[in-house]
Protein backbone atom coordinates (compact mmCIF):
# COMPACT_ATOMS: atom_id res chain seq x y z
CA MET A 1 -135.53 32.21 109.86
CA SER A 2 -135.37 34.67 112.78
CA VAL A 3 -137.50 37.81 112.88
CA VAL A 4 -134.41 39.98 112.42
CA LYS A 5 -133.17 38.03 109.41
CA ALA A 6 -136.65 38.03 107.88
CA LYS A 7 -136.84 41.80 108.24
CA GLN A 8 -133.38 42.23 106.73
CA ALA A 9 -134.41 40.07 103.77
CA MET A 10 -137.55 42.16 103.24
CA ILE A 11 -135.57 45.41 103.35
CA ALA A 12 -132.99 44.03 100.92
CA GLN A 13 -135.80 43.13 98.53
CA LEU A 14 -137.35 46.59 98.81
CA LEU A 15 -133.99 48.26 98.17
CA GLU A 16 -133.40 46.08 95.13
CA ARG A 17 -136.82 46.96 93.69
CA GLU A 18 -136.29 50.62 94.44
CA HIS A 19 -132.92 50.60 92.68
CA HIS A 20 -134.51 48.89 89.70
CA VAL A 21 -137.17 51.55 89.16
CA MET A 22 -135.30 54.70 90.19
CA SER A 23 -132.24 56.48 88.84
CA PRO A 24 -129.04 56.30 90.93
CA ALA A 25 -129.03 60.04 91.54
CA SER A 26 -132.67 60.34 92.54
CA PHE A 27 -131.97 60.15 96.28
CA ALA A 28 -130.30 63.53 96.35
CA ASN A 29 -131.18 65.51 93.24
CA MET A 30 -134.50 67.27 93.05
CA ASP A 31 -135.95 67.70 89.60
CA SER A 32 -136.67 71.33 88.84
CA SER A 33 -139.82 70.44 86.95
CA VAL A 34 -141.39 69.34 90.21
CA SER A 35 -139.82 71.47 92.89
CA SER A 36 -139.51 74.88 91.31
CA GLY A 37 -141.92 77.47 90.04
CA PRO A 38 -144.00 80.02 91.95
CA ASN A 39 -147.25 78.06 91.83
CA THR A 40 -146.17 74.44 92.25
CA ASP A 41 -146.01 74.26 96.06
CA PRO A 42 -149.43 75.83 96.78
CA TRP A 43 -151.07 73.69 94.11
CA ARG A 44 -149.36 70.53 95.34
CA GLU A 45 -150.47 71.03 98.94
CA LYS A 46 -154.07 71.44 97.87
CA VAL A 47 -153.90 68.49 95.49
CA ILE A 48 -152.54 66.19 98.22
CA GLY A 49 -155.27 67.40 100.55
CA TRP A 50 -157.84 66.66 97.87
CA TYR A 51 -156.41 63.17 97.34
CA PHE A 52 -156.82 62.33 101.02
CA SER A 53 -160.33 63.81 101.08
CA VAL A 54 -161.50 61.79 98.06
CA VAL A 55 -159.95 58.52 99.24
CA SER A 56 -161.35 59.00 102.75
CA ALA A 57 -164.82 59.78 101.33
CA LEU A 58 -164.73 56.64 99.17
CA ASP A 59 -163.70 54.60 102.21
CA ARG A 60 -166.72 55.92 104.13
CA GLN A 61 -169.03 55.18 101.22
CA GLN A 62 -167.89 51.55 101.08
CA PRO A 63 -167.44 50.59 104.75
CA ASN A 64 -167.88 46.82 104.32
CA ILE A 65 -165.19 46.07 101.75
CA VAL A 66 -163.89 42.51 101.94
CA GLY A 67 -160.42 41.90 100.57
CA ALA A 68 -158.19 44.46 98.89
CA ASN A 69 -159.26 47.95 99.91
CA PRO A 70 -157.58 50.70 97.86
CA PHE A 71 -159.26 53.52 99.77
CA ASN A 72 -156.47 54.31 102.19
CA ARG A 73 -153.19 56.20 102.46
CA THR A 74 -151.44 53.69 100.22
CA SER A 75 -153.40 54.92 97.20
CA VAL A 76 -152.44 58.52 97.98
CA HIS A 77 -148.74 57.64 98.20
CA VAL A 78 -148.85 55.60 94.98
CA THR A 79 -150.76 58.39 93.23
CA THR A 80 -148.30 61.05 94.35
CA ALA A 81 -145.33 58.94 93.25
CA LEU A 82 -146.91 58.57 89.82
CA LEU A 83 -147.60 62.31 89.59
CA ASP A 84 -143.99 63.15 90.48
CA LYS A 85 -142.42 60.55 88.18
CA TYR A 86 -144.55 61.64 85.26
CA LEU A 87 -143.66 65.31 85.71
CA GLN A 88 -139.99 64.41 86.05
CA SER A 89 -140.09 62.38 82.84
CA LEU A 90 -141.47 65.23 80.70
CA PRO A 91 -139.41 67.62 78.58
CA SER A 92 -138.88 70.92 80.39
CA GLU A 93 -141.32 72.84 78.20
CA ARG A 94 -144.21 70.45 78.83
CA SER A 95 -143.39 70.34 82.52
CA ARG A 96 -143.51 74.13 82.71
CA ARG A 97 -146.92 74.06 81.08
CA TYR A 98 -148.29 72.10 84.04
CA ARG A 99 -146.78 74.65 86.42
CA ARG A 100 -148.43 77.53 84.58
CA ASP A 101 -151.76 76.06 83.49
CA ARG A 102 -154.14 75.41 86.37
CA SER A 103 -156.60 73.39 84.26
CA ALA A 104 -153.82 71.18 82.88
CA TYR A 105 -152.52 70.56 86.40
CA GLN A 106 -156.04 69.67 87.60
CA LEU A 107 -156.49 67.23 84.75
CA LEU A 108 -153.13 65.58 85.42
CA ALA A 109 -153.76 65.30 89.16
CA THR A 110 -157.22 63.82 88.59
CA THR A 111 -155.91 61.28 86.07
CA CYS A 112 -153.09 60.24 88.41
CA LEU A 113 -155.60 59.62 91.21
CA LEU A 114 -157.64 57.38 88.93
CA LEU A 115 -154.54 55.39 87.98
CA GLY A 116 -153.06 55.43 91.48
CA MET A 117 -156.11 53.83 93.08
CA ARG A 118 -156.12 51.11 90.42
CA LEU A 119 -152.40 50.45 90.83
CA ALA A 120 -152.75 50.22 94.61
CA HIS A 121 -155.78 47.96 94.27
CA HIS A 122 -153.93 45.67 91.85
CA ASP A 123 -150.91 45.40 94.15
CA MET A 124 -153.06 44.70 97.22
CA ALA A 125 -155.09 42.03 95.44
CA LYS A 126 -151.92 40.35 94.19
CA GLU A 127 -150.37 40.32 97.67
CA SER A 128 -153.61 38.93 99.12
CA ARG A 129 -153.65 36.07 96.60
CA GLN A 130 -150.03 35.24 97.40
CA GLU A 131 -150.83 35.14 101.12
CA ASP A 132 -153.75 32.81 100.41
CA GLU A 133 -151.54 30.46 98.43
CA GLU A 134 -148.97 30.40 101.24
CA ARG A 135 -151.68 29.55 103.80
CA VAL A 136 -152.94 26.69 101.66
CA VAL A 137 -149.40 25.32 101.16
CA LEU A 138 -148.69 25.55 104.89
CA GLY A 139 -151.97 23.79 105.64
CA GLU A 140 -151.12 20.96 103.26
CA MET A 141 -147.60 20.64 104.69
CA LYS A 142 -148.94 20.41 108.22
CA ARG A 143 -151.50 17.79 107.25
CA THR A 144 -148.86 15.65 105.54
CA LYS A 145 -146.37 15.94 108.38
CA THR A 146 -148.79 14.90 111.11
CA HIS A 147 -150.37 12.09 109.01
CA ARG A 148 -153.84 13.20 110.02
CA ASP A 149 -156.79 13.52 107.78
CA GLY A 150 -157.18 17.26 108.05
CA MET A 151 -158.97 17.63 104.73
CA ASP A 152 -162.07 19.14 106.31
CA GLN A 153 -159.95 21.65 108.18
CA VAL A 154 -157.91 22.52 105.09
CA ASP A 155 -161.06 22.89 103.00
CA ALA A 156 -162.62 25.14 105.62
CA THR A 157 -159.48 27.26 105.81
CA SER A 158 -159.22 27.45 102.05
CA GLY A 159 -162.87 28.33 101.66
CA SER A 160 -162.85 31.07 104.26
CA THR A 161 -159.65 32.47 102.81
CA ASN A 162 -161.08 32.66 99.34
CA ARG A 163 -164.18 34.37 100.61
CA GLY A 164 -162.02 36.79 102.56
CA THR A 165 -160.16 37.90 99.48
CA ILE A 166 -163.14 38.49 97.21
CA THR A 167 -162.66 42.04 96.03
CA THR A 168 -165.83 44.04 96.44
CA ALA A 169 -164.21 47.47 96.30
CA ASP A 170 -165.81 49.60 93.61
CA VAL A 171 -162.78 51.43 92.23
CA PRO A 172 -164.03 54.58 90.46
CA ASN A 173 -163.70 54.97 86.71
CA ALA A 174 -163.18 58.28 84.91
CA SER A 175 -166.87 59.25 84.85
CA THR A 176 -167.25 58.44 88.56
CA ILE A 177 -164.23 60.53 89.48
CA LEU A 178 -165.68 63.46 87.57
CA ARG A 179 -169.07 63.03 89.19
CA ILE A 180 -167.95 62.74 92.80
CA SER A 181 -165.57 65.68 92.42
CA ALA A 182 -168.06 67.88 90.56
CA ALA A 183 -165.37 68.65 88.02
CA PRO A 184 -165.77 71.69 85.79
CA LYS A 185 -166.94 71.09 82.22
CA ALA A 186 -163.44 71.93 80.98
CA ILE A 187 -162.34 68.49 82.23
CA THR A 188 -164.15 65.70 80.40
CA GLU A 189 -164.03 61.93 80.48
CA ASP A 190 -162.36 61.95 77.06
CA ASN A 191 -159.66 64.28 78.41
CA ILE A 192 -158.93 61.90 81.26
CA LEU A 193 -158.92 58.78 79.10
CA ALA A 194 -156.56 60.42 76.59
CA LEU A 195 -154.15 61.32 79.39
CA VAL A 196 -154.50 57.82 80.86
CA ARG A 197 -153.23 56.39 77.56
CA GLU A 198 -150.37 58.86 77.52
CA ILE A 199 -149.27 58.21 81.11
CA THR A 200 -149.55 54.42 80.92
CA GLY A 201 -147.48 54.45 77.75
CA SER A 202 -144.74 56.60 79.25
CA ARG A 203 -141.57 55.43 80.97
CA ALA A 204 -142.87 56.97 84.20
CA PHE A 205 -145.64 54.39 84.53
CA PRO A 206 -144.61 51.55 86.89
CA ARG A 207 -144.31 48.11 85.30
CA CYS A 208 -144.12 46.43 88.69
CA LYS A 209 -145.23 47.22 92.24
CA SER A 210 -144.69 50.85 93.20
CA ILE A 211 -142.32 51.17 96.15
CA THR A 212 -143.27 53.95 98.56
CA VAL A 213 -142.15 55.16 101.96
CA LEU A 214 -145.01 53.16 103.49
CA ASP A 215 -143.47 49.86 102.36
CA PHE A 216 -140.37 50.58 104.44
CA LEU A 217 -142.31 51.88 107.45
CA ARG A 218 -144.55 48.82 107.54
CA THR A 219 -141.51 46.55 107.56
CA PHE A 220 -140.24 48.27 110.71
CA SER A 221 -143.63 48.49 112.44
CA SER A 222 -144.08 46.19 115.41
CA SER A 223 -147.06 45.26 117.58
CA SER A 224 -144.84 45.56 120.65
CA THR A 225 -142.71 48.45 121.87
CA HIS A 226 -140.13 50.30 119.79
CA ALA A 227 -136.52 49.15 119.88
CA CYS A 228 -133.09 50.15 118.67
CA GLU A 229 -130.30 47.60 119.09
CA GLU A 230 -127.18 46.63 117.24
CA ASP A 231 -129.05 44.11 115.09
CA GLY A 232 -131.73 46.60 114.03
CA CYS A 233 -134.59 48.86 115.05
CA SER A 234 -138.38 48.74 115.11
CA LEU A 235 -141.33 51.07 115.66
CA GLY A 236 -143.96 50.39 118.29
CA PRO A 237 -147.65 51.22 117.61
CA VAL A 238 -147.32 54.81 118.88
CA GLU A 239 -144.10 55.45 116.96
CA ALA A 240 -145.51 53.83 113.82
CA GLN A 241 -148.57 56.07 113.94
CA GLU A 242 -146.35 59.14 114.16
CA ALA A 243 -144.17 57.82 111.33
CA TYR A 244 -147.23 57.41 109.09
CA ARG A 245 -148.35 60.94 109.96
CA LEU A 246 -144.97 62.34 108.94
CA ALA A 247 -145.01 60.30 105.73
CA ASP A 248 -148.45 61.66 104.85
CA SER A 249 -147.44 65.23 105.62
CA SER A 250 -144.26 64.94 103.56
CA LEU A 251 -146.30 64.37 100.40
CA ALA A 252 -147.43 67.99 100.39
CA ASP A 253 -143.81 69.22 100.27
CA SER A 254 -142.47 69.09 96.72
CA SER A 255 -138.86 69.08 97.97
CA PHE A 256 -139.35 65.46 99.09
CA ALA A 257 -140.22 64.38 95.55
CA GLY A 258 -136.60 63.98 94.44
CA TYR A 259 -135.58 61.53 97.17
CA ARG A 260 -135.73 57.77 97.21
CA PRO A 261 -138.46 56.29 99.43
CA SER A 262 -135.80 54.50 101.47
CA VAL A 263 -134.04 57.78 102.26
CA VAL A 264 -137.29 59.49 103.28
CA ALA A 265 -138.22 56.47 105.39
CA CYS A 266 -134.80 56.49 107.04
CA ALA A 267 -135.19 60.16 107.98
CA ILE A 268 -138.72 59.55 109.34
CA ILE A 269 -137.64 56.59 111.46
CA LEU A 270 -134.68 58.59 112.78
CA VAL A 271 -136.86 61.55 113.76
CA VAL A 272 -139.41 59.32 115.49
CA LEU A 273 -136.81 57.30 117.42
CA LEU A 274 -134.74 60.35 118.32
CA ARG A 275 -137.83 61.99 119.82
CA SER A 276 -138.60 58.87 121.87
CA ASN A 277 -135.01 57.87 122.64
CA THR A 278 -135.23 55.65 125.71
CA PHE A 279 -132.48 53.31 124.59
CA GLY A 280 -129.57 54.91 126.42
CA LEU A 281 -127.83 55.48 123.09
CA ASP A 282 -126.07 58.62 122.01
CA VAL A 283 -127.41 60.29 118.86
CA SER A 284 -124.50 59.18 116.70
CA SER A 285 -124.91 55.51 117.64
CA LEU A 286 -128.65 55.60 117.08
CA ARG A 287 -128.14 57.17 113.67
CA GLN A 288 -125.72 54.45 112.58
CA ILE A 289 -128.11 51.69 113.67
CA VAL A 290 -130.99 53.24 111.72
CA TYR A 291 -128.78 53.84 108.68
CA ARG A 292 -127.72 50.19 108.62
CA SER A 293 -131.24 48.92 109.30
CA VAL A 294 -132.95 50.91 106.55
CA LEU A 295 -130.27 51.47 103.93
CA GLY A 296 -128.17 48.35 104.31
CA SER A 297 -124.77 48.77 102.73
CA GLN A 298 -125.82 51.93 100.84
CA ILE A 299 -124.43 54.26 103.47
CA ASP A 300 -122.17 56.86 101.93
CA ALA A 301 -121.63 60.49 102.91
CA GLU A 302 -123.96 61.80 100.23
CA ILE A 303 -126.88 59.68 101.38
CA GLN A 304 -126.28 60.58 105.01
CA ALA A 305 -126.31 64.27 104.05
CA ALA A 306 -129.62 63.75 102.23
CA VAL A 307 -131.10 62.08 105.31
CA ARG A 308 -129.95 64.95 107.53
CA GLN A 309 -131.56 67.49 105.19
CA LEU A 310 -134.86 65.64 105.41
CA GLU A 311 -134.59 65.34 109.18
CA VAL A 312 -134.67 69.13 109.51
CA LYS A 313 -137.81 69.35 107.38
CA LEU A 314 -139.50 66.50 109.22
CA LEU A 315 -138.74 67.89 112.65
CA ARG A 316 -140.85 70.92 111.81
CA SER A 317 -143.77 68.61 111.01
CA ALA A 318 -143.12 66.43 114.06
CA LEU A 319 -143.40 69.41 116.38
CA ARG A 320 -146.91 70.18 115.14
CA PRO A 321 -149.71 68.53 117.11
CA ALA A 322 -151.22 65.53 115.33
CA ALA A 323 -154.80 65.87 114.13
CA ALA A 324 -157.23 63.40 115.63
CA SER A 325 -158.44 60.77 113.19
CA THR A 326 -160.86 57.88 113.45
CA SER A 327 -160.61 56.76 109.82
CA ARG A 328 -158.20 54.30 108.27
CA ILE A 329 -156.02 57.13 107.07
CA ILE A 330 -154.67 60.23 108.73
CA VAL A 331 -155.72 63.32 106.85
CA PRO A 332 -152.84 65.83 107.00
CA ARG A 333 -153.35 69.23 108.56
CA ALA A 334 -153.32 70.73 105.07
CA VAL A 335 -156.74 69.17 104.48
CA VAL A 336 -159.13 71.79 105.79
CA SER A 337 -161.93 71.41 103.28
CA THR A 338 -163.82 68.58 101.60
CA ALA A 339 -165.61 70.85 99.15
CA ALA A 340 -167.01 69.06 96.12
CA HIS A 341 -165.09 70.85 93.40
CA VAL A 342 -162.33 69.12 91.51
CA ILE A 343 -159.22 70.51 93.20
CA PRO A 344 -159.26 73.78 95.15
CA VAL A 345 -156.19 75.29 93.53
CA GLU A 346 -157.72 78.70 93.13
CA THR A 347 -156.74 81.33 95.65
CA GLU A 348 -159.47 81.46 98.23
């Protein structure tokens, strides 16, 4: 299978999973329980900043993790998706309570981080095991085909692979989250565990791998230069880094919460490629190539309008200078403090 066809197959699989877990109208309709209210946006920005700070701090505390490492931007994206889906699934009265009650919002955000890191860790470990199994199968096939006794080589490969996927990441439990965040006494371990049971029993809790914008961006990321041709597009290392920065920054904006990950990813890829357009293509042609590459056959006027709306928002973020980062994640500009309180939602 060619690289292009393999990428198309991966995108088709992502779109199918996305369609399975999201409502048909979710690409264009924002839910008022998430996006409205006088306090939601300021609280959300600070919560997202806190998520990145906690995950980055945990990554620094455990620098020698072997195998699945949940302390990266993936956990933040999974956590935020869970927070949004849960709020969207609630009756309007309960949703309004979270907008009005700071302590309730803190408790919900903290519980979602606990669950989000565990979901991300589970998904990473599962993918790692699948990759190991594929390596072993390929090793056996090669040995059989060449009629050589490569048992020692296969055993060595299998052994090193297994050692490489031993999960040593210490994913925090409820008491650890409370301790490292110096949570106020109003939030207790029992509070978190009770909400954990409620969230995991709700229809908002994912029963399969959570699909985020990052899944689409990684599919289009390339180790070589960026490209945009009739058979598809790709992001080079520089463009991919900028795409990840925009994806991280978009989490703090509640207006992105009502869009499908594929639509957000399409807008991000468009903005990045439009800003580095060295393909000799006019804007209209480039748009159509990206639409087809990311969204497949799901290209109707309504989706294109949604992508254009997001482009405008993303361009504002793209024009801001990127913050320097040496960690495995890019902490958005909104993160200006790593203070040890639970979530700095109070007006400072």
